[in-house]
PDB file of N, CA and C in Angstrom:
ATOM      1  N   GLU A   1      43.392 -48.629 297.039  1.00  0.00           N
ATOM      2  CA  GLU A   1      42.325 -49.402 296.414  1.00  0.00           C
ATOM      3  C   GLU A   1      42.610 -49.542 294.917  1.00  0.00           C
ATOM      4  N   GLU A   2      42.353 -50.719 294.396  1.00  0.00           N
ATOM      5  CA  GLU A   2      42.644 -50.981 292.988  1.00  0.00           C
ATOM      6  C   GLU A   2      41.590 -50.391 292.062  1.00  0.00           C
ATOM      7  N   ASN A   3      42.012 -50.175 290.821  1.00  0.00           N
ATOM      8  CA  ASN A   3      41.097 -49.679 289.798  1.00  0.00           C
ATOM      9  C   ASN A   3      40.178 -50.803 289.357  1.00  0.00           C
ATOM     10  N   ILE A   4      38.896 -50.488 289.199  1.00  0.00           N
ATOM     11  CA  ILE A   4      37.957 -51.475 288.668  1.00  0.00           C
ATOM     12  C   ILE A   4      37.915 -51.376 287.138  1.00  0.00           C
ATOM     13  N   ILE A   5      38.082 -50.158 286.607  1.00  0.00           N
ATOM     14  CA  ILE A   5      38.143 -49.927 285.158  1.00  0.00           C
ATOM     15  C   ILE A   5      39.302 -48.982 284.890  1.00  0.00           C
ATOM     16  N   GLU A   6      40.071 -49.299 283.859  1.00  0.00           N
ATOM     17  CA  GLU A   6      41.188 -48.434 283.499  1.00  0.00           C
ATOM     18  C   GLU A   6      41.303 -48.323 281.984  1.00  0.00           C
ATOM     19  N   PHE A   7      41.324 -47.095 281.503  1.00  0.00           N
ATOM     20  CA  PHE A   7      41.556 -46.800 280.093  1.00  0.00           C
ATOM     21  C   PHE A   7      42.991 -46.328 279.966  1.00  0.00           C
ATOM     22  N   SER A   8      43.735 -46.909 279.051  1.00  0.00           N
ATOM     23  CA  SER A   8      45.130 -46.546 278.876  1.00  0.00           C
ATOM     24  C   SER A   8      45.414 -46.268 277.399  1.00  0.00           C
ATOM     25  N   SER A   9      45.641 -45.006 277.083  1.00  0.00           N
ATOM     26  CA  SER A   9      45.982 -44.570 275.712  1.00  0.00           C
ATOM     27  C   SER A   9      44.980 -45.069 274.676  1.00  0.00           C
ATOM     28  N   VAL A  10      43.689 -44.965 274.982  1.00  0.00           N
ATOM     29  CA  VAL A  10      42.645 -45.444 274.077  1.00  0.00           C
ATOM     30  C   VAL A  10      42.386 -44.418 272.972  1.00  0.00           C
ATOM     31  N   SER A  11      42.439 -44.881 271.734  1.00  0.00           N
ATOM     32  CA  SER A  11      42.145 -44.058 270.565  1.00  0.00           C
ATOM     33  C   SER A  11      41.235 -44.848 269.627  1.00  0.00           C
ATOM     34  N   LYS A  12      40.365 -44.126 268.934  1.00  0.00           N
ATOM     35  CA  LYS A  12      39.457 -44.768 267.974  1.00  0.00           C
ATOM     36  C   LYS A  12      39.219 -43.802 266.827  1.00  0.00           C
ATOM     37  N   SER A  13      39.369 -44.302 265.621  1.00  0.00           N
ATOM     38  CA  SER A  13      39.128 -43.497 264.423  1.00  0.00           C
ATOM     39  C   SER A  13      38.059 -44.135 263.561  1.00  0.00           C
ATOM     40  N   PHE A  14      37.331 -43.286 262.892  1.00  0.00           N
ATOM     41  CA  PHE A  14      36.388 -43.686 261.854  1.00  0.00           C
ATOM     42  C   PHE A  14      36.867 -42.997 260.582  1.00  0.00           C
ATOM     43  N   PRO A  15      36.402 -43.399 259.416  1.00  0.00           N
ATOM     44  CA  PRO A  15      36.872 -42.751 258.186  1.00  0.00           C
ATOM     45  C   PRO A  15      36.745 -41.219 258.260  1.00  0.00           C
ATOM     46  N   GLY A  16      37.891 -40.555 258.254  1.00  0.00           N
ATOM     47  CA  GLY A  16      37.917 -39.094 258.271  1.00  0.00           C
ATOM     48  C   GLY A  16      37.751 -38.449 259.630  1.00  0.00           C
ATOM     49  N   VAL A  17      37.596 -39.245 260.707  1.00  0.00           N
ATOM     50  CA  VAL A  17      37.340 -38.672 262.029  1.00  0.00           C
ATOM     51  C   VAL A  17      38.139 -39.412 263.098  1.00  0.00           C
ATOM     52  N   LYS A  18      38.846 -38.671 263.928  1.00  0.00           N
ATOM     53  CA  LYS A  18      39.515 -39.244 265.105  1.00  0.00           C
ATOM     54  C   LYS A  18      38.567 -39.008 266.278  1.00  0.00           C
ATOM     55  N   ALA A  19      37.787 -40.027 266.647  1.00  0.00           N
ATOM     56  CA  ALA A  19      36.760 -39.886 267.678  1.00  0.00           C
ATOM     57  C   ALA A  19      37.364 -39.813 269.081  1.00  0.00           C
ATOM     58  N   LEU A  20      38.403 -40.603 269.338  1.00  0.00           N
ATOM     59  CA  LEU A  20      39.098 -40.598 270.625  1.00  0.00           C
ATOM     60  C   LEU A  20      40.593 -40.519 270.357  1.00  0.00           C
ATOM     61  N   ASN A  21      41.284 -39.700 271.134  1.00  0.00           N
ATOM     62  CA  ASN A  21      42.719 -39.528 270.922  1.00  0.00           C
ATOM     63  C   ASN A  21      43.466 -39.661 272.248  1.00  0.00           C
ATOM     64  N   ASP A  22      44.034 -40.834 272.499  1.00  0.00           N
ATOM     65  CA  ASP A  22      44.898 -41.069 273.653  1.00  0.00           C
ATOM     66  C   ASP A  22      44.201 -40.786 274.990  1.00  0.00           C
ATOM     67  N   ILE A  23      43.067 -41.419 275.210  1.00  0.00           N
ATOM     68  CA  ILE A  23      42.294 -41.249 276.444  1.00  0.00           C
ATOM     69  C   ILE A  23      42.841 -42.187 277.519  1.00  0.00           C
ATOM     70  N   SER A  24      43.154 -41.633 278.674  1.00  0.00           N
ATOM     71  CA  SER A  24      43.631 -42.431 279.805  1.00  0.00           C
ATOM     72  C   SER A  24      43.000 -41.917 281.087  1.00  0.00           C
ATOM     73  N   PHE A  25      42.350 -42.795 281.828  1.00  0.00           N
ATOM     74  CA  PHE A  25      41.863 -42.497 283.171  1.00  0.00           C
ATOM     75  C   PHE A  25      41.438 -43.794 283.826  1.00  0.00           C
ATOM     76  N   ALA A  26      41.276 -43.748 285.143  1.00  0.00           N
ATOM     77  CA  ALA A  26      40.921 -44.954 285.894  1.00  0.00           C
ATOM     78  C   ALA A  26      39.756 -44.659 286.829  1.00  0.00           C
ATOM     79  N   ILE A  27      39.004 -45.709 287.126  1.00  0.00           N
ATOM     80  CA  ILE A  27      37.870 -45.622 288.053  1.00  0.00           C
ATOM     81  C   ILE A  27      38.071 -46.670 289.132  1.00  0.00           C
ATOM     82  N   LYS A  28      38.032 -46.224 290.368  1.00  0.00           N
ATOM     83  CA  LYS A  28      38.160 -47.138 291.503  1.00  0.00           C
ATOM     84  C   LYS A  28      36.780 -47.603 291.950  1.00  0.00           C
ATOM     85  N   LYS A  29      36.723 -48.747 292.587  1.00  0.00           N
ATOM     86  CA  LYS A  29      35.455 -49.283 293.083  1.00  0.00           C
ATOM     87  C   LYS A  29      34.775 -48.254 293.979  1.00  0.00           C
ATOM     88  N   GLY A  30      33.492 -48.043 293.734  1.00  0.00           N
ATOM     89  CA  GLY A  30      32.699 -47.110 294.522  1.00  0.00           C
ATOM     90  C   GLY A  30      32.676 -45.691 293.988  1.00  0.00           C
ATOM     91  N   GLU A  31      33.528 -45.371 293.031  1.00  0.00           N
ATOM     92  CA  GLU A  31      33.526 -44.034 292.451  1.00  0.00           C
ATOM     93  C   GLU A  31      32.423 -43.905 291.410  1.00  0.00           C
ATOM     94  N   VAL A  32      31.961 -42.693 291.228  1.00  0.00           N
ATOM     95  CA  VAL A  32      30.975 -42.383 290.194  1.00  0.00           C
ATOM     96  C   VAL A  32      31.594 -41.337 289.284  1.00  0.00           C
ATOM     97  N   HIS A  33      31.573 -41.600 287.997  1.00  0.00           N
ATOM     98  CA  HIS A  33      32.110 -40.663 287.014  1.00  0.00           C
ATOM     99  C   HIS A  33      31.030 -40.322 286.004  1.00  0.00           C
ATOM    100  N   ALA A  34      31.147 -39.158 285.409  1.00  0.00           N
ATOM    101  CA  ALA A  34      30.240 -38.745 284.341  1.00  0.00           C
ATOM    102  C   ALA A  34      31.077 -38.322 283.137  1.00  0.00           C
ATOM    103  N   LEU A  35      30.608 -38.661 281.963  1.00  0.00           N
ATOM    104  CA  LEU A  35      31.240 -38.201 280.720  1.00  0.00           C
ATOM    105  C   LEU A  35      30.384 -37.065 280.180  1.00  0.00           C
ATOM    106  N   VAL A  36      30.965 -35.894 280.089  1.00  0.00           N
ATOM    107  CA  VAL A  36      30.237 -34.717 279.650  1.00  0.00           C
ATOM    108  C   VAL A  36      31.016 -34.080 278.508  1.00  0.00           C
ATOM    109  N   GLY A  37      30.295 -33.673 277.488  1.00  0.00           N
ATOM    110  CA  GLY A  37      30.955 -33.004 276.371  1.00  0.00           C
ATOM    111  C   GLY A  37      29.979 -32.707 275.258  1.00  0.00           C
ATOM    112  N   GLU A  38      30.444 -31.949 274.307  1.00  0.00           N
ATOM    113  CA  GLU A  38      29.623 -31.582 273.158  1.00  0.00           C
ATOM    114  C   GLU A  38      29.348 -32.795 272.282  1.00  0.00           C
ATOM    115  N   ASN A  39      28.377 -32.661 271.404  1.00  0.00           N
ATOM    116  CA  ASN A  39      28.128 -33.705 270.416  1.00  0.00           C
ATOM    117  C   ASN A  39      29.409 -33.928 269.623  1.00  0.00           C
ATOM    118  N   GLY A  40      29.749 -35.197 269.426  1.00  0.00           N
ATOM    119  CA  GLY A  40      30.944 -35.525 268.673  1.00  0.00           C
ATOM    120  C   GLY A  40      32.226 -35.565 269.493  1.00  0.00           C
ATOM    121  N   ALA A  41      32.116 -35.389 270.811  1.00  0.00           N
ATOM    122  CA  ALA A  41      33.312 -35.370 271.668  1.00  0.00           C
ATOM    123  C   ALA A  41      33.875 -36.761 271.935  1.00  0.00           C
ATOM    124  N   GLY A  42      33.093 -37.824 271.663  1.00  0.00           N
ATOM    125  CA  GLY A  42      33.587 -39.185 271.844  1.00  0.00           C
ATOM    126  C   GLY A  42      33.024 -39.925 273.043  1.00  0.00           C
ATOM    127  N   LYS A  43      32.047 -39.333 273.714  1.00  0.00           N
ATOM    128  CA  LYS A  43      31.458 -39.980 274.901  1.00  0.00           C
ATOM    129  C   LYS A  43      30.860 -41.340 274.565  1.00  0.00           C
ATOM    130  N   SER A  44      30.020 -41.391 273.578  1.00  0.00           N
ATOM    131  CA  SER A  44      29.375 -42.652 273.187  1.00  0.00           C
ATOM    132  C   SER A  44      30.396 -43.639 272.646  1.00  0.00           C
ATOM    133  N   THR A  45      31.377 -43.144 271.922  1.00  0.00           N
ATOM    134  CA  THR A  45      32.419 -44.025 271.395  1.00  0.00           C
ATOM    135  C   THR A  45      33.163 -44.718 272.526  1.00  0.00           C
ATOM    136  N   LEU A  46      33.504 -43.965 273.573  1.00  0.00           N
ATOM    137  CA  LEU A  46      34.210 -44.545 274.713  1.00  0.00           C
ATOM    138  C   LEU A  46      33.361 -45.616 275.391  1.00  0.00           C
ATOM    139  N   LEU A  47      32.083 -45.330 275.608  1.00  0.00           N
ATOM    140  CA  LEU A  47      31.198 -46.325 276.222  1.00  0.00           C
ATOM    141  C   LEU A  47      30.983 -47.524 275.310  1.00  0.00           C
ATOM    142  N   ASN A  48      30.943 -47.286 274.009  1.00  0.00           N
ATOM    143  CA  ASN A  48      30.786 -48.405 273.073  1.00  0.00           C
ATOM    144  C   ASN A  48      32.006 -49.319 273.083  1.00  0.00           C
ATOM    145  N   ILE A  49      33.180 -48.773 273.286  1.00  0.00           N
ATOM    146  CA  ILE A  49      34.381 -49.599 273.448  1.00  0.00           C
ATOM    147  C   ILE A  49      34.277 -50.391 274.745  1.00  0.00           C
ATOM    148  N   LEU A  50      33.880 -49.716 275.803  1.00  0.00           N
ATOM    149  CA  LEU A  50      33.766 -50.350 277.117  1.00  0.00           C
ATOM    150  C   LEU A  50      32.798 -51.525 277.105  1.00  0.00           C
ATOM    151  N   HIS A  51      31.754 -51.440 276.294  1.00  0.00           N
ATOM    152  CA  HIS A  51      30.692 -52.452 276.304  1.00  0.00           C
ATOM    153  C   HIS A  51      30.659 -53.364 275.093  1.00  0.00           C
ATOM    154  N   GLY A  52      31.763 -53.442 274.348  1.00  0.00           N
ATOM    155  CA  GLY A  52      31.864 -54.438 273.296  1.00  0.00           C
ATOM    156  C   GLY A  52      31.216 -54.103 271.975  1.00  0.00           C
ATOM    157  N   VAL A  53      30.738 -52.869 271.810  1.00  0.00           N
ATOM    158  CA  VAL A  53      30.172 -52.486 270.511  1.00  0.00           C
ATOM    159  C   VAL A  53      31.292 -52.329 269.505  1.00  0.00           C
ATOM    160  N   TYR A  54      32.367 -51.638 269.908  1.00  0.00           N
ATOM    161  CA  TYR A  54      33.560 -51.500 269.070  1.00  0.00           C
ATOM    162  C   TYR A  54      34.664 -52.350 269.686  1.00  0.00           C
ATOM    163  N   ILE A  55      35.148 -53.316 268.937  1.00  0.00           N
ATOM    164  CA  ILE A  55      36.209 -54.179 269.460  1.00  0.00           C
ATOM    165  C   ILE A  55      37.556 -53.854 268.830  1.00  0.00           C
ATOM    166  N   SER A  56      37.559 -52.992 267.825  1.00  0.00           N
ATOM    167  CA  SER A  56      38.790 -52.580 267.170  1.00  0.00           C
ATOM    168  C   SER A  56      39.110 -51.142 267.590  1.00  0.00           C
ATOM    169  N   TYR A  57      40.193 -50.971 268.361  1.00  0.00           N
ATOM    170  CA  TYR A  57      40.619 -49.658 268.830  1.00  0.00           C
ATOM    171  C   TYR A  57      42.073 -49.761 269.271  1.00  0.00           C
ATOM    172  N   GLU A  58      42.708 -48.632 269.447  1.00  0.00           N
ATOM    173  CA  GLU A  58      44.081 -48.597 269.947  1.00  0.00           C
ATOM    174  C   GLU A  58      44.053 -48.420 271.459  1.00  0.00           C
ATOM    175  N   GLY A  59      45.090 -48.889 272.137  1.00  0.00           N
ATOM    176  CA  GLY A  59      45.184 -48.747 273.580  1.00  0.00           C
ATOM    177  C   GLY A  59      44.630 -49.966 274.296  1.00  0.00           C
ATOM    178  N   GLN A  60      44.362 -49.779 275.580  1.00  0.00           N
ATOM    179  CA  GLN A  60      43.920 -50.908 276.395  1.00  0.00           C
ATOM    180  C   GLN A  60      42.846 -50.473 277.386  1.00  0.00           C
ATOM    181  N   VAL A  61      41.876 -51.360 277.585  1.00  0.00           N
ATOM    182  CA  VAL A  61      40.847 -51.180 278.608  1.00  0.00           C
ATOM    183  C   VAL A  61      40.937 -52.379 279.535  1.00  0.00           C
ATOM    184  N   LEU A  62      41.058 -52.103 280.824  1.00  0.00           N
ATOM    185  CA  LEU A  62      41.156 -53.173 281.818  1.00  0.00           C
ATOM    186  C   LEU A  62      39.941 -53.166 282.732  1.00  0.00           C
ATOM    187  N   PHE A  63      39.408 -54.351 283.021  1.00  0.00           N
ATOM    188  CA  PHE A  63      38.375 -54.556 284.038  1.00  0.00           C
ATOM    189  C   PHE A  63      39.014 -55.384 285.132  1.00  0.00           C
ATOM    190  N   ASP A  64      39.016 -54.859 286.336  1.00  0.00           N
ATOM    191  CA  ASP A  64      39.625 -55.576 287.466  1.00  0.00           C
ATOM    192  C   ASP A  64      41.040 -56.055 287.132  1.00  0.00           C
ATOM    193  N   GLY A  65      41.787 -55.234 286.406  1.00  0.00           N
ATOM    194  CA  GLY A  65      43.168 -55.549 286.070  1.00  0.00           C
ATOM    195  C   GLY A  65      43.361 -56.493 284.900  1.00  0.00           C
ATOM    196  N   LYS A  66      42.263 -56.945 284.296  1.00  0.00           N
ATOM    197  CA  LYS A  66      42.352 -57.869 283.162  1.00  0.00           C
ATOM    198  C   LYS A  66      41.895 -57.163 281.886  1.00  0.00           C
ATOM    199  N   PRO A  67      42.532 -57.468 280.758  1.00  0.00           N
ATOM    200  CA  PRO A  67      42.133 -56.824 279.498  1.00  0.00           C
ATOM    201  C   PRO A  67      40.664 -57.066 279.155  1.00  0.00           C
ATOM    202  N   ASN A  68      40.030 -56.024 278.641  1.00  0.00           N
ATOM    203  CA  ASN A  68      38.647 -56.124 278.179  1.00  0.00           C
ATOM    204  C   ASN A  68      38.601 -57.133 277.037  1.00  0.00           C
ATOM    205  N   ALA A  69      37.826 -58.191 277.226  1.00  0.00           N
ATOM    206  CA  ALA A  69      37.758 -59.249 276.215  1.00  0.00           C
ATOM    207  C   ALA A  69      36.366 -59.360 275.594  1.00  0.00           C
ATOM    208  N   TYR A  70      35.516 -58.365 275.824  1.00  0.00           N
ATOM    209  CA  TYR A  70      34.160 -58.430 275.281  1.00  0.00           C
ATOM    210  C   TYR A  70      34.193 -58.314 273.765  1.00  0.00           C
ATOM    211  N   LYS A  71      33.528 -59.245 273.112  1.00  0.00           N
ATOM    212  CA  LYS A  71      33.433 -59.226 271.655  1.00  0.00           C
ATOM    213  C   LYS A  71      32.062 -58.759 271.193  1.00  0.00           C
ATOM    214  N   THR A  72      31.092 -58.734 272.131  1.00  0.00           N
ATOM    215  CA  THR A  72      29.739 -58.269 271.820  1.00  0.00           C
ATOM    216  C   THR A  72      29.173 -57.567 273.050  1.00  0.00           C
ATOM    217  N   THR A  73      28.108 -56.808 272.841  1.00  0.00           N
ATOM    218  CA  THR A  73      27.436 -56.178 273.982  1.00  0.00           C
ATOM    219  C   THR A  73      26.821 -57.240 274.889  1.00  0.00           C
ATOM    220  N   HIS A  74      26.403 -58.347 274.313  1.00  0.00           N
ATOM    221  CA  HIS A  74      25.833 -59.435 275.111  1.00  0.00           C
ATOM    222  C   HIS A  74      26.862 -59.948 276.126  1.00  0.00           C
ATOM    223  N   ASP A  75      28.123 -60.067 275.704  1.00  0.00           N
ATOM    224  CA  ASP A  75      29.190 -60.480 276.620  1.00  0.00           C
ATOM    225  C   ASP A  75      29.284 -59.522 277.807  1.00  0.00           C
ATOM    226  N   ALA A  76      29.252 -58.225 277.529  1.00  0.00           N
ATOM    227  CA  ALA A  76      29.371 -57.221 278.585  1.00  0.00           C
ATOM    228  C   ALA A  76      28.175 -57.268 279.530  1.00  0.00           C
ATOM    229  N   ILE A  77      26.985 -57.362 278.985  1.00  0.00           N
ATOM    230  CA  ILE A  77      25.772 -57.413 279.804  1.00  0.00           C
ATOM    231  C   ILE A  77      25.751 -58.680 280.643  1.00  0.00           C
ATOM    232  N   SER A  78      26.151 -59.796 280.054  1.00  0.00           N
ATOM    233  CA  SER A  78      26.197 -61.067 280.792  1.00  0.00           C
ATOM    234  C   SER A  78      27.166 -61.000 281.965  1.00  0.00           C
ATOM    235  N   ASP A  79      28.187 -60.147 281.824  1.00  0.00           N
ATOM    236  CA  ASP A  79      29.182 -59.985 282.881  1.00  0.00           C
ATOM    237  C   ASP A  79      28.779 -58.897 283.881  1.00  0.00           C
ATOM    238  N   GLY A  80      27.582 -58.339 283.706  1.00  0.00           N
ATOM    239  CA  GLY A  80      27.082 -57.337 284.644  1.00  0.00           C
ATOM    240  C   GLY A  80      27.503 -55.917 284.336  1.00  0.00           C
ATOM    241  N   ARG A  81      28.041 -55.661 283.155  1.00  0.00           N
ATOM    242  CA  ARG A  81      28.480 -54.312 282.791  1.00  0.00           C
ATOM    243  C   ARG A  81      27.333 -53.554 282.166  1.00  0.00           C
ATOM    244  N   ARG A  82      27.097 -52.348 282.669  1.00  0.00           N
ATOM    245  CA  ARG A  82      26.020 -51.529 282.138  1.00  0.00           C
ATOM    246  C   ARG A  82      26.354 -50.065 282.393  1.00  0.00           C
ATOM    247  N   ALA A  83      26.003 -49.216 281.485  1.00  0.00           N
ATOM    248  CA  ALA A  83      26.226 -47.779 281.655  1.00  0.00           C
ATOM    249  C   ALA A  83      24.947 -47.038 281.316  1.00  0.00           C
ATOM    250  N   GLU A  84      24.752 -45.924 281.967  1.00  0.00           N
ATOM    251  CA  GLU A  84      23.616 -45.053 281.656  1.00  0.00           C
ATOM    252  C   GLU A  84      24.091 -44.004 280.666  1.00  0.00           C
ATOM    253  N   SER A  85      23.250 -43.659 279.736  1.00  0.00           N
ATOM    254  CA  SER A  85      23.598 -42.625 278.768  1.00  0.00           C
ATOM    255  C   SER A  85      22.522 -41.557 278.775  1.00  0.00           C
ATOM    256  N   THR A  86      22.754 -40.496 278.033  1.00  0.00           N
ATOM    257  CA  THR A  86      21.762 -39.430 277.953  1.00  0.00           C
ATOM    258  C   THR A  86      20.460 -39.953 277.357  1.00  0.00           C
ATOM    259  N   ARG A  87      20.551 -40.981 276.546  1.00  0.00           N
ATOM    260  CA  ARG A  87      19.332 -41.532 275.956  1.00  0.00           C
ATOM    261  C   ARG A  87      18.402 -42.090 277.039  1.00  0.00           C
ATOM    262  N   THR A  88      18.963 -42.758 278.033  1.00  0.00           N
ATOM    263  CA  THR A  88      18.124 -43.286 279.098  1.00  0.00           C
ATOM    264  C   THR A  88      17.824 -42.217 280.130  1.00  0.00           C
ATOM    265  N   SER A  89      18.713 -41.248 280.308  1.00  0.00           N
ATOM    266  CA  SER A  89      18.514 -40.210 281.310  1.00  0.00           C
ATOM    267  C   SER A  89      17.300 -39.347 281.006  1.00  0.00           C
ATOM    268  N   ARG A  90      16.924 -39.239 279.766  1.00  0.00           N
ATOM    269  CA  ARG A  90      15.757 -38.429 279.414  1.00  0.00           C
ATOM    270  C   ARG A  90      14.475 -39.013 279.991  1.00  0.00           C
ATOM    271  N   ARG A  91      14.513 -40.272 280.393  1.00  0.00           N
ATOM    272  CA  ARG A  91      13.321 -40.906 280.936  1.00  0.00           C
ATOM    273  C   ARG A  91      13.244 -40.812 282.455  1.00  0.00           C
ATOM    274  N   LEU A  92      14.127 -40.050 283.068  1.00  0.00           N
ATOM    275  CA  LEU A  92      14.099 -39.917 284.517  1.00  0.00           C
ATOM    276  C   LEU A  92      12.797 -39.253 284.943  1.00  0.00           C
ATOM    277  N   GLU A  93      12.275 -39.681 286.040  1.00  0.00           N
ATOM    278  CA  GLU A  93      11.029 -39.128 286.539  1.00  0.00           C
ATOM    279  C   GLU A  93      11.311 -38.171 287.679  1.00  0.00           C
ATOM    280  N   SER A  94      10.754 -36.966 287.600  1.00  0.00           N
ATOM    281  CA  SER A  94      11.030 -35.944 288.602  1.00  0.00           C
ATOM    282  C   SER A  94      10.424 -36.280 289.962  1.00  0.00           C
ATOM    283  N   LYS A  95       9.424 -37.149 290.013  1.00  0.00           N
ATOM    284  CA  LYS A  95       8.795 -37.513 291.288  1.00  0.00           C
ATOM    285  C   LYS A  95       9.592 -38.580 292.033  1.00  0.00           C
ATOM    286  N   ARG A  96      10.623 -39.096 291.394  1.00  0.00           N
ATOM    287  CA  ARG A  96      11.440 -40.132 292.014  1.00  0.00           C
ATOM    288  C   ARG A  96      12.768 -39.526 292.460  1.00  0.00           C
ATOM    289  N   ASN A  97      13.366 -40.114 293.491  1.00  0.00           N
ATOM    290  CA  ASN A  97      14.674 -39.639 293.908  1.00  0.00           C
ATOM    291  C   ASN A  97      15.768 -40.260 293.037  1.00  0.00           C
ATOM    292  N   ARG A  98      17.022 -39.834 293.250  1.00  0.00           N
ATOM    293  CA  ARG A  98      18.120 -40.317 292.426  1.00  0.00           C
ATOM    294  C   ARG A  98      18.243 -41.838 292.448  1.00  0.00           C
ATOM    295  N   GLN A  99      18.165 -42.427 293.641  1.00  0.00           N
ATOM    296  CA  GLN A  99      18.325 -43.861 293.764  1.00  0.00           C
ATOM    297  C   GLN A  99      17.217 -44.616 292.989  1.00  0.00           C
ATOM    298  N   GLN A 100      15.997 -44.131 293.052  1.00  0.00           N
ATOM    299  CA  GLN A 100      14.898 -44.776 292.335  1.00  0.00           C
ATOM    300  C   GLN A 100      15.074 -44.656 290.820  1.00  0.00           C
ATOM    301  N   ASN A 101      15.645 -43.556 290.359  1.00  0.00           N
ATOM    302  CA  ASN A 101      15.863 -43.360 288.928  1.00  0.00           C
ATOM    303  C   ASN A 101      16.995 -44.216 288.399  1.00  0.00           C
ATOM    304  N   ILE A 102      17.892 -44.636 289.262  1.00  0.00           N
ATOM    305  CA  ILE A 102      18.996 -45.485 288.826  1.00  0.00           C
ATOM    306  C   ILE A 102      18.478 -46.889 288.691  1.00  0.00           C
TER     307      ILE A 102
END
């Protein structure tokens, strides 16, 4: 089965900080992945690259085998791309099951 999303040698720096350093992994259709780490580990930075918030970075991100061409978050959302973050997860309701919370 082909990869739906692929990160290849992705790196991102901010003044004085290397937020991501040579990140590579792939996600196949139907897989579920979670990004877990301490504050400052680069989780949000990686998702921001994936969704067009940061368009300047090293490496390559592929969607369905094609280079990520999103220039804005609106482009990503219009294409059906969306990710859940800890910010939205805090609003999960305990009376609902996992599927309802998604």
